[in-house]
N, C-alpha and C. Protein backbone atom coordinates (compact mmCIF):
# COMPACT_ATOMS: atom_id res chain seq x y z
N MET A 1 145.77 182.09 44.30
CA MET A 1 145.53 183.06 45.38
C MET A 1 145.92 182.42 46.70
N LYS A 2 146.75 183.20 47.43
CA LYS A 2 147.18 182.72 48.70
C LYS A 2 146.18 183.10 49.78
N ARG A 3 145.88 182.08 50.60
CA ARG A 3 144.85 182.39 51.66
C ARG A 3 145.55 182.64 52.97
N ASN A 4 144.97 183.46 53.76
CA ASN A 4 145.50 183.74 55.15
C ASN A 4 145.21 182.50 55.99
N THR A 5 146.04 182.27 56.98
CA THR A 5 145.80 181.19 57.83
C THR A 5 144.68 181.59 58.83
N ALA A 6 143.71 180.67 58.90
CA ALA A 6 142.57 180.87 59.81
C ALA A 6 142.90 180.25 61.15
N LEU A 7 142.63 180.99 62.24
CA LEU A 7 142.86 180.44 63.55
C LEU A 7 141.50 180.05 64.15
N THR A 8 141.46 178.93 64.89
CA THR A 8 140.24 178.43 65.48
C THR A 8 140.39 178.58 66.99
N ARG A 9 139.37 179.01 67.67
CA ARG A 9 139.48 179.12 69.14
C ARG A 9 138.79 177.88 69.72
N ILE A 10 139.52 177.17 70.60
CA ILE A 10 138.96 176.09 71.35
C ILE A 10 139.01 176.44 72.81
N SER A 11 137.80 176.37 73.51
CA SER A 11 137.71 176.79 74.88
C SER A 11 137.24 175.75 75.83
N VAL A 12 137.85 175.79 77.04
CA VAL A 12 137.33 174.96 78.18
C VAL A 12 136.95 176.08 79.15
N THR A 13 135.69 175.97 79.73
CA THR A 13 135.22 177.01 80.59
C THR A 13 134.75 176.43 81.91
N ASN A 14 135.13 177.13 83.00
CA ASN A 14 134.73 176.76 84.35
C ASN A 14 135.07 175.35 84.83
N ALA A 15 136.26 174.86 84.38
CA ALA A 15 136.75 173.62 84.93
C ALA A 15 137.11 173.85 86.41
N GLU A 16 136.54 173.03 87.26
CA GLU A 16 136.70 173.23 88.66
C GLU A 16 137.64 172.29 89.30
N PHE A 17 138.51 172.80 90.30
CA PHE A 17 139.50 172.02 90.96
C PHE A 17 139.52 172.42 92.41
N TYR A 18 140.04 171.51 93.23
CA TYR A 18 140.33 171.78 94.62
C TYR A 18 141.85 171.82 94.80
N GLY A 19 142.34 172.87 95.34
CA GLY A 19 143.81 173.01 95.49
C GLY A 19 144.18 173.68 96.77
N TYR A 20 145.48 173.57 97.08
CA TYR A 20 146.03 174.03 98.31
C TYR A 20 146.95 175.18 98.08
N HIS A 21 146.45 176.23 97.42
CA HIS A 21 147.33 177.35 97.03
C HIS A 21 146.93 178.57 97.85
N GLY A 22 147.90 179.49 97.99
CA GLY A 22 147.60 180.75 98.64
C GLY A 22 148.74 181.29 99.45
N VAL A 23 148.62 182.53 99.85
CA VAL A 23 149.68 183.14 100.61
C VAL A 23 149.55 182.77 102.13
N ARG A 24 148.25 182.67 102.55
CA ARG A 24 148.02 182.42 103.95
C ARG A 24 148.13 180.89 104.27
N GLU A 25 148.57 180.60 105.46
CA GLU A 25 148.79 179.28 105.90
C GLU A 25 147.44 178.41 105.88
N GLU A 26 146.33 179.13 106.29
CA GLU A 26 145.06 178.36 106.38
C GLU A 26 144.61 177.99 104.91
N GLU A 27 144.96 178.78 103.90
CA GLU A 27 144.64 178.41 102.56
C GLU A 27 145.40 177.20 102.08
N ARG A 28 146.61 177.09 102.49
CA ARG A 28 147.48 175.91 102.12
C ARG A 28 147.12 174.69 102.90
N ASN A 29 146.56 174.86 104.10
CA ASN A 29 146.16 173.70 104.99
C ASN A 29 144.82 173.22 104.58
N LEU A 30 143.84 174.12 104.43
CA LEU A 30 142.45 173.74 104.19
C LEU A 30 142.08 173.54 102.74
N GLY A 31 142.84 174.26 101.90
CA GLY A 31 142.53 174.24 100.47
C GLY A 31 141.31 175.03 100.07
N GLY A 32 141.02 175.06 98.80
CA GLY A 32 139.86 175.86 98.34
C GLY A 32 139.53 175.49 96.90
N ARG A 33 138.34 176.02 96.50
CA ARG A 33 137.85 175.76 95.14
C ARG A 33 138.41 176.84 94.14
N TYR A 34 138.76 176.28 92.94
CA TYR A 34 139.26 177.14 91.92
C TYR A 34 138.54 176.79 90.62
N GLN A 35 138.34 177.76 89.75
CA GLN A 35 137.93 177.52 88.39
C GLN A 35 138.95 177.97 87.38
N VAL A 36 139.06 177.24 86.24
CA VAL A 36 140.00 177.57 85.21
C VAL A 36 139.31 177.61 83.88
N ASP A 37 139.59 178.63 83.11
CA ASP A 37 139.15 178.80 81.71
C ASP A 37 140.47 178.69 80.91
N ILE A 38 140.38 178.02 79.78
CA ILE A 38 141.45 177.93 78.84
C ILE A 38 140.92 178.23 77.37
N ASP A 39 141.45 179.26 76.79
CA ASP A 39 141.10 179.60 75.42
C ASP A 39 142.41 179.41 74.63
N VAL A 40 142.43 178.60 73.54
CA VAL A 40 143.50 178.46 72.69
C VAL A 40 143.10 178.85 71.27
N TRP A 41 144.04 179.47 70.58
CA TRP A 41 143.86 179.81 69.17
C TRP A 41 144.91 179.00 68.40
N CYS A 42 144.37 178.19 67.43
CA CYS A 42 145.32 177.32 66.76
C CYS A 42 144.89 177.13 65.33
N GLU A 43 145.87 176.61 64.62
CA GLU A 43 145.67 176.33 63.20
C GLU A 43 145.05 174.94 63.13
N THR A 44 143.86 174.84 62.51
CA THR A 44 143.15 173.53 62.46
C THR A 44 142.88 173.03 61.07
N VAL A 45 143.52 173.62 60.04
CA VAL A 45 143.27 173.20 58.66
C VAL A 45 143.55 171.73 58.50
N LYS A 46 144.63 171.24 59.02
CA LYS A 46 144.98 169.84 58.89
C LYS A 46 143.91 168.97 59.63
N ALA A 47 143.49 169.41 60.81
CA ALA A 47 142.47 168.63 61.57
C ALA A 47 141.18 168.62 60.87
N VAL A 48 140.76 169.75 60.29
CA VAL A 48 139.46 169.80 59.54
C VAL A 48 139.47 168.88 58.38
N VAL A 49 140.61 168.81 57.64
CA VAL A 49 140.70 167.95 56.44
C VAL A 49 140.71 166.45 56.92
N SER A 50 141.48 166.15 57.93
CA SER A 50 141.63 164.73 58.36
C SER A 50 140.50 164.31 59.26
N ASP A 51 139.86 165.22 59.93
CA ASP A 51 138.83 164.84 60.97
C ASP A 51 139.44 163.89 61.98
N ASP A 52 140.68 164.22 62.38
CA ASP A 52 141.40 163.37 63.34
C ASP A 52 141.84 164.16 64.55
N ILE A 53 141.53 163.73 65.67
CA ILE A 53 141.84 164.45 66.95
C ILE A 53 143.36 164.67 67.12
N SER A 54 144.14 163.76 66.55
CA SER A 54 145.60 163.90 66.73
C SER A 54 146.13 165.09 65.93
N ASP A 55 145.37 165.61 65.06
CA ASP A 55 145.78 166.82 64.30
C ASP A 55 145.23 168.08 64.90
N SER A 56 144.52 167.99 66.00
CA SER A 56 143.95 169.14 66.62
C SER A 56 144.41 169.26 68.03
N VAL A 57 143.82 170.15 68.80
CA VAL A 57 144.06 170.36 70.25
C VAL A 57 142.97 169.55 71.00
N ASN A 58 143.36 168.53 71.70
CA ASN A 58 142.38 167.70 72.40
C ASN A 58 142.09 168.38 73.75
N TYR A 59 140.87 168.80 73.88
CA TYR A 59 140.43 169.54 75.14
C TYR A 59 140.58 168.65 76.34
N GLU A 60 140.54 167.39 76.21
CA GLU A 60 140.78 166.49 77.36
C GLU A 60 142.24 166.63 77.86
N GLU A 61 143.15 166.80 76.97
CA GLU A 61 144.58 167.10 77.34
C GLU A 61 144.68 168.46 77.94
N LEU A 62 143.96 169.40 77.51
CA LEU A 62 143.96 170.75 78.12
C LEU A 62 143.58 170.61 79.56
N LEU A 63 142.51 169.83 79.87
CA LEU A 63 142.05 169.66 81.21
C LEU A 63 143.11 168.84 82.02
N PHE A 64 143.78 167.91 81.49
CA PHE A 64 144.80 167.16 82.08
C PHE A 64 145.95 168.09 82.58
N ILE A 65 146.39 169.03 81.66
CA ILE A 65 147.41 169.99 81.97
C ILE A 65 146.96 170.87 83.15
N ALA A 66 145.73 171.36 83.13
CA ALA A 66 145.20 172.24 84.19
C ALA A 66 145.15 171.43 85.43
N ASN A 67 144.65 170.19 85.46
CA ASN A 67 144.58 169.39 86.67
C ASN A 67 145.88 169.11 87.24
N GLU A 68 146.96 168.86 86.46
CA GLU A 68 148.31 168.68 86.97
C GLU A 68 148.80 169.87 87.74
N VAL A 69 148.55 171.01 87.20
CA VAL A 69 148.97 172.28 87.83
C VAL A 69 148.15 172.55 89.08
N MET A 70 146.84 172.47 88.94
CA MET A 70 145.98 172.90 90.04
C MET A 70 146.00 171.93 91.25
N THR A 71 146.30 170.67 91.03
CA THR A 71 146.34 169.74 92.13
C THR A 71 147.80 169.34 92.45
N GLY A 72 148.77 170.03 91.81
CA GLY A 72 150.14 169.77 92.04
C GLY A 72 150.78 170.61 93.13
N GLU A 73 152.05 170.91 92.98
CA GLU A 73 152.82 171.75 93.97
C GLU A 73 152.08 173.06 94.30
N PRO A 74 151.89 173.37 95.54
CA PRO A 74 151.16 174.59 95.95
C PRO A 74 151.99 175.84 95.49
N CYS A 75 151.20 176.85 95.07
CA CYS A 75 151.74 178.13 94.77
C CYS A 75 151.10 179.22 95.68
N GLU A 76 151.81 180.31 95.85
CA GLU A 76 151.20 181.34 96.56
C GLU A 76 150.21 182.23 95.69
N LEU A 77 150.60 182.32 94.43
CA LEU A 77 149.79 183.29 93.52
C LEU A 77 148.98 182.57 92.48
N ILE A 78 147.82 183.06 92.24
CA ILE A 78 147.05 182.48 91.12
C ILE A 78 147.67 182.87 89.84
N GLU A 79 148.45 183.94 89.76
CA GLU A 79 149.16 184.28 88.61
C GLU A 79 150.13 183.19 88.10
N THR A 80 150.82 182.58 89.15
CA THR A 80 151.71 181.54 88.84
C THR A 80 151.03 180.31 88.30
N LEU A 81 149.82 180.01 88.85
CA LEU A 81 149.05 178.87 88.34
C LEU A 81 148.67 179.10 86.91
N ALA A 82 148.16 180.31 86.60
CA ALA A 82 147.79 180.61 85.27
C ALA A 82 148.96 180.49 84.28
N TYR A 83 150.09 180.98 84.63
CA TYR A 83 151.28 180.98 83.80
C TYR A 83 151.73 179.56 83.55
N ASP A 84 151.75 178.72 84.66
CA ASP A 84 152.15 177.35 84.51
C ASP A 84 151.17 176.50 83.60
N ILE A 85 149.92 176.77 83.68
CA ILE A 85 148.96 176.10 82.76
C ILE A 85 149.22 176.52 81.32
N GLY A 86 149.32 177.84 81.16
CA GLY A 86 149.64 178.37 79.81
C GLY A 86 150.95 177.80 79.18
N SER A 87 151.95 177.78 80.02
CA SER A 87 153.22 177.20 79.51
C SER A 87 153.10 175.73 79.13
N GLY A 88 152.35 174.96 79.95
CA GLY A 88 152.11 173.60 79.67
C GLY A 88 151.39 173.38 78.38
N VAL A 89 150.41 174.18 78.13
CA VAL A 89 149.62 174.13 76.86
C VAL A 89 150.56 174.45 75.67
N MET A 90 151.34 175.51 75.78
CA MET A 90 152.19 175.91 74.67
C MET A 90 153.26 174.84 74.37
N ASP A 91 153.76 174.23 75.46
CA ASP A 91 154.83 173.17 75.32
C ASP A 91 154.18 171.94 74.66
N ARG A 92 152.92 171.63 74.98
CA ARG A 92 152.37 170.34 74.54
C ARG A 92 151.88 170.46 73.08
N PHE A 93 151.35 171.57 72.68
CA PHE A 93 150.68 171.74 71.35
C PHE A 93 151.37 172.75 70.52
N SER A 94 152.12 172.31 69.57
CA SER A 94 152.91 173.20 68.64
C SER A 94 151.98 174.02 67.81
N GLN A 95 150.73 173.58 67.49
CA GLN A 95 149.88 174.29 66.63
C GLN A 95 149.13 175.47 67.32
N VAL A 96 149.20 175.53 68.69
CA VAL A 96 148.66 176.64 69.36
C VAL A 96 149.52 177.96 69.18
N ARG A 97 148.87 178.98 68.72
CA ARG A 97 149.54 180.22 68.44
C ARG A 97 149.37 181.17 69.63
N GLN A 98 148.24 181.03 70.36
CA GLN A 98 148.02 181.89 71.54
C GLN A 98 147.12 181.15 72.53
N ALA A 99 147.41 181.30 73.83
CA ALA A 99 146.62 180.74 74.86
C ALA A 99 146.28 181.75 75.93
N THR A 100 145.04 181.82 76.31
CA THR A 100 144.60 182.70 77.42
C THR A 100 144.09 181.85 78.50
N ILE A 101 144.63 182.04 79.69
CA ILE A 101 144.24 181.24 80.82
C ILE A 101 143.67 182.19 81.91
N ARG A 102 142.49 181.82 82.43
CA ARG A 102 141.97 182.54 83.60
C ARG A 102 141.82 181.58 84.75
N VAL A 103 142.26 181.97 85.91
CA VAL A 103 142.20 181.24 87.13
C VAL A 103 141.34 182.03 88.15
N ARG A 104 140.32 181.40 88.64
CA ARG A 104 139.44 182.09 89.67
C ARG A 104 139.59 181.36 90.99
N LYS A 105 139.83 182.10 92.02
CA LYS A 105 139.79 181.56 93.33
C LYS A 105 138.42 181.84 93.94
N LEU A 106 137.70 180.78 94.25
CA LEU A 106 136.29 180.99 94.61
C LEU A 106 136.05 181.27 96.05
N SER A 107 136.94 180.81 96.95
CA SER A 107 136.78 181.04 98.37
C SER A 107 138.06 181.70 98.88
N VAL A 108 137.92 183.00 99.11
CA VAL A 108 139.06 183.80 99.57
C VAL A 108 138.84 184.15 100.98
N PRO A 109 139.78 183.79 101.90
CA PRO A 109 139.59 184.02 103.35
C PRO A 109 139.84 185.44 103.80
N ILE A 110 139.05 186.36 103.31
CA ILE A 110 139.21 187.80 103.81
C ILE A 110 137.79 188.28 104.16
N GLN A 111 137.80 189.39 104.88
CA GLN A 111 136.56 189.99 105.39
C GLN A 111 135.92 190.91 104.30
N ALA A 112 135.35 190.26 103.30
CA ALA A 112 134.70 190.98 102.25
C ALA A 112 133.69 190.02 101.57
N ILE A 113 132.67 190.58 100.89
CA ILE A 113 131.74 189.74 100.22
C ILE A 113 131.90 189.98 98.69
N PHE A 114 132.28 188.97 97.95
CA PHE A 114 132.43 189.02 96.49
C PHE A 114 132.41 187.60 95.96
N ASP A 115 132.28 187.48 94.70
CA ASP A 115 132.18 186.13 94.07
C ASP A 115 133.51 185.42 94.01
N TYR A 116 134.58 186.11 93.47
CA TYR A 116 135.84 185.46 93.35
C TYR A 116 136.94 186.48 93.03
N VAL A 117 138.15 186.02 93.01
CA VAL A 117 139.29 186.77 92.59
C VAL A 117 139.77 186.02 91.34
N GLU A 118 140.15 186.84 90.28
CA GLU A 118 140.54 186.15 89.03
C GLU A 118 141.74 186.84 88.46
N THR A 119 142.61 185.95 87.82
CA THR A 119 143.77 186.52 87.07
C THR A 119 143.69 185.91 85.64
N GLU A 120 144.23 186.64 84.68
CA GLU A 120 144.17 186.31 83.31
C GLU A 120 145.52 186.49 82.64
N ILE A 121 146.06 185.50 81.95
CA ILE A 121 147.31 185.66 81.26
C ILE A 121 147.12 185.19 79.80
N THR A 122 147.80 185.90 78.92
CA THR A 122 147.81 185.43 77.44
C THR A 122 149.26 185.21 77.10
N ILE A 123 149.53 184.06 76.51
CA ILE A 123 150.79 183.71 76.03
C ILE A 123 150.76 183.53 74.52
N THR A 124 151.64 184.23 73.79
CA THR A 124 151.59 184.17 72.35
C THR A 124 152.96 183.53 71.88
N ARG A 125 152.79 182.64 70.93
CA ARG A 125 153.94 181.97 70.30
C ARG A 125 154.61 182.92 69.29
N GLU A 126 155.88 183.07 69.38
CA GLU A 126 156.62 183.96 68.40
C GLU A 126 156.68 183.27 67.10
N GLY A 127 156.57 184.08 66.01
CA GLY A 127 156.71 183.52 64.68
C GLY A 127 155.51 182.87 64.21
């Protein structure tokens, strides 16, 4: 009997970074707080059998990818940050079939009261 491939979700939630992103000059000069969520769906049968991190998606490396993007070259849009993190995850881990990235900007310099602004992107591997 042929079994269907089971996908496992691995999540990193509310990873916080300080970055210099934004459309406005003061955002790029002063910086601000951001949170990132990373959800990946991957095949983990090999990892479950071997119980070896090298056969799975190491969440420490997920955080490293997010840190590189969030503390790296400034972007105007949080959509760009989310896409760059997702692309980095897909490039690094061939076993990831889908990645959903959420980026929250916690301090937005506008005249309104709210918790944050958030974008979400999902990238799916073809085939």
